[in-house]
Amino acid sequence: MSTVPGKEVEVMKAISSIKGVSETHLLFGEYDLIAKVEVEDQEALTRMIIAELRKIDGVIDSKTLTGVKL
């Protein structure tokens, strides 16, 4: 995720409090932080992103990457 400069820690704390978020880490580079989420299905992920993550004050942009098990 990209955040408003100076709001990285505040955004990370807000994200950490969301049910399903298992890890958060601040980053240096193109993005400001990364969050690992564990949800039951793609629909739950979509709801979380739209209804919770993107509405956090200070979030500018997000990029979602999903993992798969082979």
PDB file of N, CA and C in Angstrom:
ATOM      1  N   MET A   1       0.828  -1.163   0.000  1.00  0.00           N
ATOM      2  CA  MET A   1       0.000   0.000   0.000  1.00  0.00           C
ATOM      3  C   MET A   1       0.880   1.236   0.000  1.00  0.00           C
ATOM      4  N   SER A   2       0.361   2.283  -0.580  1.00  0.00           N
ATOM      5  CA  SER A   2       0.998   3.590  -0.525  1.00  0.00           C
ATOM      6  C   SER A   2       0.182   4.460   0.412  1.00  0.00           C
ATOM      7  N   THR A   3       0.884   5.249   1.214  1.00  0.00           N
ATOM      8  CA  THR A   3       0.205   6.084   2.197  1.00  0.00           C
ATOM      9  C   THR A   3       0.619   7.546   2.049  1.00  0.00           C
ATOM     10  N   VAL A   4      -0.145   8.410   2.681  1.00  0.00           N
ATOM     11  CA  VAL A   4       0.218   9.817   2.782  1.00  0.00           C
ATOM     12  C   VAL A   4       1.527   9.870   3.580  1.00  0.00           C
ATOM     13  N   PRO A   5       2.516  10.631   3.115  1.00  0.00           N
ATOM     14  CA  PRO A   5       3.777  10.719   3.855  1.00  0.00           C
ATOM     15  C   PRO A   5       3.543  11.105   5.322  1.00  0.00           C
ATOM     16  N   GLY A   6       4.183  10.364   6.211  1.00  0.00           N
ATOM     17  CA  GLY A   6       4.040  10.607   7.644  1.00  0.00           C
ATOM     18  C   GLY A   6       2.918   9.840   8.309  1.00  0.00           C
ATOM     19  N   LYS A   7       2.077   9.160   7.521  1.00  0.00           N
ATOM     20  CA  LYS A   7       0.945   8.406   8.092  1.00  0.00           C
ATOM     21  C   LYS A   7       1.176   6.896   8.056  1.00  0.00           C
ATOM     22  N   GLU A   8       2.384   6.478   7.700  1.00  0.00           N
ATOM     23  CA  GLU A   8       2.653   5.046   7.545  1.00  0.00           C
ATOM     24  C   GLU A   8       2.327   4.239   8.800  1.00  0.00           C
ATOM     25  N   VAL A   9       2.811   4.690   9.945  1.00  0.00           N
ATOM     26  CA  VAL A   9       2.603   3.942  11.194  1.00  0.00           C
ATOM     27  C   VAL A   9       1.122   3.954  11.583  1.00  0.00           C
ATOM     28  N   GLU A  10       0.461   5.088  11.446  1.00  0.00           N
ATOM     29  CA  GLU A  10      -0.964   5.187  11.754  1.00  0.00           C
ATOM     30  C   GLU A  10      -1.785   4.229  10.883  1.00  0.00           C
ATOM     31  N   VAL A  11      -1.478   4.201   9.595  1.00  0.00           N
ATOM     32  CA  VAL A  11      -2.190   3.303   8.674  1.00  0.00           C
ATOM     33  C   VAL A  11      -1.898   1.851   9.034  1.00  0.00           C
ATOM     34  N   MET A  12      -0.635   1.537   9.339  1.00  0.00           N
ATOM     35  CA  MET A  12      -0.273   0.162   9.695  1.00  0.00           C
ATOM     36  C   MET A  12      -1.042  -0.293  10.939  1.00  0.00           C
ATOM     37  N   LYS A  13      -1.164   0.562  11.936  1.00  0.00           N
ATOM     38  CA  LYS A  13      -1.913   0.211  13.148  1.00  0.00           C
ATOM     39  C   LYS A  13      -3.380  -0.027  12.838  1.00  0.00           C
ATOM     40  N   ALA A  14      -3.960   0.800  11.975  1.00  0.00           N
ATOM     41  CA  ALA A  14      -5.373   0.630  11.595  1.00  0.00           C
ATOM     42  C   ALA A  14      -5.577  -0.677  10.847  1.00  0.00           C
ATOM     43  N   ILE A  15      -4.671  -0.982   9.943  1.00  0.00           N
ATOM     44  CA  ILE A  15      -4.778  -2.226   9.176  1.00  0.00           C
ATOM     45  C   ILE A  15      -4.611  -3.437  10.095  1.00  0.00           C
ATOM     46  N   SER A  16      -3.687  -3.349  11.035  1.00  0.00           N
ATOM     47  CA  SER A  16      -3.433  -4.464  11.955  1.00  0.00           C
ATOM     48  C   SER A  16      -4.648  -4.825  12.793  1.00  0.00           C
ATOM     49  N   SER A  17      -5.551  -3.879  12.998  1.00  0.00           N
ATOM     50  CA  SER A  17      -6.725  -4.135  13.834  1.00  0.00           C
ATOM     51  C   SER A  17      -7.877  -4.789  13.072  1.00  0.00           C
ATOM     52  N   ILE A  18      -7.736  -4.957  11.766  1.00  0.00           N
ATOM     53  CA  ILE A  18      -8.809  -5.549  10.952  1.00  0.00           C
ATOM     54  C   ILE A  18      -8.770  -7.075  11.067  1.00  0.00           C
ATOM     55  N   LYS A  19      -9.929  -7.661  11.290  1.00  0.00           N
ATOM     56  CA  LYS A  19     -10.041  -9.120  11.382  1.00  0.00           C
ATOM     57  C   LYS A  19      -9.584  -9.741  10.062  1.00  0.00           C
ATOM     58  N   GLY A  20      -8.699 -10.715  10.147  1.00  0.00           N
ATOM     59  CA  GLY A  20      -8.186 -11.400   8.966  1.00  0.00           C
ATOM     60  C   GLY A  20      -6.788 -10.954   8.578  1.00  0.00           C
ATOM     61  N   VAL A  21      -6.332  -9.822   9.117  1.00  0.00           N
ATOM     62  CA  VAL A  21      -4.974  -9.358   8.839  1.00  0.00           C
ATOM     63  C   VAL A  21      -4.043 -10.075   9.804  1.00  0.00           C
ATOM     64  N   SER A  22      -3.104 -10.863   9.262  1.00  0.00           N
ATOM     65  CA  SER A  22      -2.220 -11.649  10.116  1.00  0.00           C
ATOM     66  C   SER A  22      -0.831 -11.032  10.279  1.00  0.00           C
ATOM     67  N   GLU A  23      -0.412 -10.179   9.330  1.00  0.00           N
ATOM     68  CA  GLU A  23       0.897  -9.538   9.418  1.00  0.00           C
ATOM     69  C   GLU A  23       0.849  -8.185   8.727  1.00  0.00           C
ATOM     70  N   THR A  24       1.638  -7.239   9.239  1.00  0.00           N
ATOM     71  CA  THR A  24       1.852  -5.963   8.558  1.00  0.00           C
ATOM     72  C   THR A  24       3.331  -5.605   8.719  1.00  0.00           C
ATOM     73  N   HIS A  25       3.897  -4.985   7.677  1.00  0.00           N
ATOM     74  CA  HIS A  25       5.300  -4.587   7.713  1.00  0.00           C
ATOM     75  C   HIS A  25       5.469  -3.278   6.961  1.00  0.00           C
ATOM     76  N   LEU A  26       6.241  -2.361   7.546  1.00  0.00           N
ATOM     77  CA  LEU A  26       6.598  -1.136   6.836  1.00  0.00           C
ATOM     78  C   LEU A  26       7.669  -1.466   5.807  1.00  0.00           C
ATOM     79  N   LEU A  27       7.647  -0.741   4.691  1.00  0.00           N
ATOM     80  CA  LEU A  27       8.580  -0.991   3.588  1.00  0.00           C
ATOM     81  C   LEU A  27       9.302   0.293   3.203  1.00  0.00           C
ATOM     82  N   PHE A  28      10.424   0.132   2.538  1.00  0.00           N
ATOM     83  CA  PHE A  28      11.123   1.237   1.886  1.00  0.00           C
ATOM     84  C   PHE A  28      11.059   0.962   0.400  1.00  0.00           C
ATOM     85  N   GLY A  29      10.773   1.955  -0.393  1.00  0.00           N
ATOM     86  CA  GLY A  29      10.710   1.763  -1.840  1.00  0.00           C
ATOM     87  C   GLY A  29       9.394   2.239  -2.414  1.00  0.00           C
ATOM     88  N   GLU A  30       8.943   1.543  -3.451  1.00  0.00           N
ATOM     89  CA  GLU A  30       7.741   1.951  -4.177  1.00  0.00           C
ATOM     90  C   GLU A  30       6.496   1.974  -3.293  1.00  0.00           C
ATOM     91  N   TYR A  31       6.384   1.035  -2.370  1.00  0.00           N
ATOM     92  CA  TYR A  31       5.230   0.957  -1.475  1.00  0.00           C
ATOM     93  C   TYR A  31       5.663   1.224  -0.042  1.00  0.00           C
ATOM     94  N   ASP A  32       4.721   1.643   0.794  1.00  0.00           N
ATOM     95  CA  ASP A  32       5.021   2.010   2.174  1.00  0.00           C
ATOM     96  C   ASP A  32       4.793   0.887   3.173  1.00  0.00           C
ATOM     97  N   LEU A  33       3.857  -0.001   2.882  1.00  0.00           N
ATOM     98  CA  LEU A  33       3.638  -1.128   3.783  1.00  0.00           C
ATOM     99  C   LEU A  33       2.997  -2.286   3.048  1.00  0.00           C
ATOM    100  N   ILE A  34       3.115  -3.445   3.669  1.00  0.00           N
ATOM    101  CA  ILE A  34       2.520  -4.665   3.131  1.00  0.00           C
ATOM    102  C   ILE A  34       1.718  -5.320   4.250  1.00  0.00           C
ATOM    103  N   ALA A  35       0.598  -5.911   3.880  1.00  0.00           N
ATOM    104  CA  ALA A  35      -0.236  -6.618   4.850  1.00  0.00           C
ATOM    105  C   ALA A  35      -0.557  -7.996   4.306  1.00  0.00           C
ATOM    106  N   LYS A  36      -0.437  -8.991   5.149  1.00  0.00           N
ATOM    107  CA  LYS A  36      -0.834 -10.346   4.791  1.00  0.00           C
ATOM    108  C   LYS A  36      -2.201 -10.591   5.408  1.00  0.00           C
ATOM    109  N   VAL A  37      -3.150 -10.990   4.580  1.00  0.00           N
ATOM    110  CA  VAL A  37      -4.496 -11.268   5.068  1.00  0.00           C
ATOM    111  C   VAL A  37      -4.859 -12.713   4.771  1.00  0.00           C
ATOM    112  N   GLU A  38      -5.663 -13.275   5.635  1.00  0.00           N
ATOM    113  CA  GLU A  38      -6.147 -14.637   5.459  1.00  0.00           C
ATOM    114  C   GLU A  38      -7.661 -14.613   5.570  1.00  0.00           C
ATOM    115  N   VAL A  39      -8.322 -14.870   4.446  1.00  0.00           N
ATOM    116  CA  VAL A  39      -9.780 -14.860   4.383  1.00  0.00           C
ATOM    117  C   VAL A  39     -10.261 -16.155   3.748  1.00  0.00           C
ATOM    118  N   GLU A  40     -11.567 -16.415   3.903  1.00  0.00           N
ATOM    119  CA  GLU A  40     -12.093 -17.704   3.443  1.00  0.00           C
ATOM    120  C   GLU A  40     -12.208 -17.844   1.932  1.00  0.00           C
ATOM    121  N   ASP A  41     -12.405 -16.730   1.210  1.00  0.00           N
ATOM    122  CA  ASP A  41     -12.539 -16.839  -0.243  1.00  0.00           C
ATOM    123  C   ASP A  41     -12.324 -15.482  -0.912  1.00  0.00           C
ATOM    124  N   GLN A  42     -12.360 -15.469  -2.223  1.00  0.00           N
ATOM    125  CA  GLN A  42     -12.121 -14.250  -2.992  1.00  0.00           C
ATOM    126  C   GLN A  42     -13.158 -13.169  -2.696  1.00  0.00           C
ATOM    127  N   GLU A  43     -14.390 -13.578  -2.469  1.00  0.00           N
ATOM    128  CA  GLU A  43     -15.452 -12.623  -2.166  1.00  0.00           C
ATOM    129  C   GLU A  43     -15.169 -11.898  -0.848  1.00  0.00           C
ATOM    130  N   ALA A  44     -14.703 -12.616   0.155  1.00  0.00           N
ATOM    131  CA  ALA A  44     -14.361 -12.009   1.444  1.00  0.00           C
ATOM    132  C   ALA A  44     -13.183 -11.051   1.284  1.00  0.00           C
ATOM    133  N   LEU A  45     -12.231 -11.407   0.440  1.00  0.00           N
ATOM    134  CA  LEU A  45     -11.092 -10.529   0.178  1.00  0.00           C
ATOM    135  C   LEU A  45     -11.560  -9.229  -0.473  1.00  0.00           C
ATOM    136  N   THR A  46     -12.429  -9.354  -1.447  1.00  0.00           N
ATOM    137  CA  THR A  46     -12.971  -8.172  -2.123  1.00  0.00           C
ATOM    138  C   THR A  46     -13.687  -7.256  -1.142  1.00  0.00           C
ATOM    139  N   ARG A  47     -14.520  -7.838  -0.274  1.00  0.00           N
ATOM    140  CA  ARG A  47     -15.234  -7.039   0.735  1.00  0.00           C
ATOM    141  C   ARG A  47     -14.255  -6.330   1.662  1.00  0.00           C
ATOM    142  N   MET A  48     -13.222  -7.036   2.103  1.00  0.00           N
ATOM    143  CA  MET A  48     -12.238  -6.452   3.008  1.00  0.00           C
ATOM    144  C   MET A  48     -11.528  -5.271   2.351  1.00  0.00           C
ATOM    145  N   ILE A  49     -11.112  -5.443   1.124  1.00  0.00           N
ATOM    146  CA  ILE A  49     -10.383  -4.383   0.421  1.00  0.00           C
ATOM    147  C   ILE A  49     -11.262  -3.149   0.238  1.00  0.00           C
ATOM    148  N   ILE A  50     -12.459  -3.346  -0.269  1.00  0.00           N
ATOM    149  CA  ILE A  50     -13.332  -2.221  -0.582  1.00  0.00           C
ATOM    150  C   ILE A  50     -13.920  -1.576   0.679  1.00  0.00           C
ATOM    151  N   ALA A  51     -14.417  -2.390   1.604  1.00  0.00           N
ATOM    152  CA  ALA A  51     -15.136  -1.850   2.757  1.00  0.00           C
ATOM    153  C   ALA A  51     -14.234  -1.425   3.907  1.00  0.00           C
ATOM    154  N   GLU A  52     -13.017  -1.950   3.957  1.00  0.00           N
ATOM    155  CA  GLU A  52     -12.175  -1.654   5.116  1.00  0.00           C
ATOM    156  C   GLU A  52     -10.828  -1.043   4.742  1.00  0.00           C
ATOM    157  N   LEU A  53     -10.016  -1.763   4.001  1.00  0.00           N
ATOM    158  CA  LEU A  53      -8.642  -1.303   3.754  1.00  0.00           C
ATOM    159  C   LEU A  53      -8.574   0.026   3.016  1.00  0.00           C
ATOM    160  N   ARG A  54      -9.296   0.154   1.931  1.00  0.00           N
ATOM    161  CA  ARG A  54      -9.219   1.374   1.122  1.00  0.00           C
ATOM    162  C   ARG A  54      -9.866   2.585   1.794  1.00  0.00           C
ATOM    163  N   LYS A  55     -10.659   2.362   2.834  1.00  0.00           N
ATOM    164  CA  LYS A  55     -11.325   3.468   3.523  1.00  0.00           C
ATOM    165  C   LYS A  55     -10.497   4.036   4.670  1.00  0.00           C
ATOM    166  N   ILE A  56      -9.356   3.442   4.953  1.00  0.00           N
ATOM    167  CA  ILE A  56      -8.516   3.927   6.048  1.00  0.00           C
ATOM    168  C   ILE A  56      -7.922   5.272   5.660  1.00  0.00           C
ATOM    169  N   ASP A  57      -8.059   6.239   6.559  1.00  0.00           N
ATOM    170  CA  ASP A  57      -7.509   7.566   6.333  1.00  0.00           C
ATOM    171  C   ASP A  57      -5.994   7.476   6.174  1.00  0.00           C
ATOM    172  N   GLY A  58      -5.486   8.001   5.092  1.00  0.00           N
ATOM    173  CA  GLY A  58      -4.058   7.979   4.828  1.00  0.00           C
ATOM    174  C   GLY A  58      -3.651   7.000   3.746  1.00  0.00           C
ATOM    175  N   VAL A  59      -4.556   6.103   3.349  1.00  0.00           N
ATOM    176  CA  VAL A  59      -4.254   5.166   2.266  1.00  0.00           C
ATOM    177  C   VAL A  59      -4.430   5.895   0.935  1.00  0.00           C
ATOM    178  N   ILE A  60      -3.401   5.852   0.113  1.00  0.00           N
ATOM    179  CA  ILE A  60      -3.454   6.472  -1.207  1.00  0.00           C
ATOM    180  C   ILE A  60      -3.774   5.432  -2.274  1.00  0.00           C
ATOM    181  N   ASP A  61      -3.110   4.281  -2.192  1.00  0.00           N
ATOM    182  CA  ASP A  61      -3.200   3.281  -3.254  1.00  0.00           C
ATOM    183  C   ASP A  61      -2.924   1.908  -2.655  1.00  0.00           C
ATOM    184  N   SER A  62      -3.476   0.899  -3.300  1.00  0.00           N
ATOM    185  CA  SER A  62      -3.185  -0.469  -2.867  1.00  0.00           C
ATOM    186  C   SER A  62      -2.996  -1.362  -4.091  1.00  0.00           C
ATOM    187  N   LYS A  63      -2.274  -2.422  -3.873  1.00  0.00           N
ATOM    188  CA  LYS A  63      -2.054  -3.428  -4.909  1.00  0.00           C
ATOM    189  C   LYS A  63      -2.296  -4.773  -4.245  1.00  0.00           C
ATOM    190  N   THR A  64      -3.130  -5.588  -4.861  1.00  0.00           N
ATOM    191  CA  THR A  64      -3.490  -6.864  -4.274  1.00  0.00           C
ATOM    192  C   THR A  64      -2.836  -8.003  -5.057  1.00  0.00           C
ATOM    193  N   LEU A  65      -2.143  -8.852  -4.348  1.00  0.00           N
ATOM    194  CA  LEU A  65      -1.528 -10.048  -4.929  1.00  0.00           C
ATOM    195  C   LEU A  65      -2.081 -11.245  -4.173  1.00  0.00           C
ATOM    196  N   THR A  66      -2.562 -12.243  -4.902  1.00  0.00           N
ATOM    197  CA  THR A  66      -3.099 -13.417  -4.249  1.00  0.00           C
ATOM    198  C   THR A  66      -2.187 -14.601  -4.498  1.00  0.00           C
ATOM    199  N   GLY A  67      -2.074 -15.423  -3.478  1.00  0.00           N
ATOM    200  CA  GLY A  67      -1.254 -16.637  -3.585  1.00  0.00           C
ATOM    201  C   GLY A  67      -2.146 -17.838  -3.838  1.00  0.00           C
ATOM    202  N   VAL A  68      -1.562 -18.852  -4.438  1.00  0.00           N
ATOM    203  CA  VAL A  68      -2.294 -20.081  -4.724  1.00  0.00           C
ATOM    204  C   VAL A  68      -1.471 -21.275  -4.248  1.00  0.00           C
ATOM    205  N   LYS A  69      -2.161 -22.352  -3.956  1.00  0.00           N
ATOM    206  CA  LYS A  69      -1.499 -23.607  -3.604  1.00  0.00           C
ATOM    207  C   LYS A  69      -1.626 -24.547  -4.780  1.00  0.00           C
ATOM    208  N   LEU A  70      -0.539 -25.148  -5.168  1.00  0.00           N
ATOM    209  CA  LEU A  70      -0.558 -26.105  -6.274  1.00  0.00           C
ATOM    210  C   LEU A  70      -0.551 -27.517  -5.763  1.00  0.00           C
TER     211      LEU A  70
END
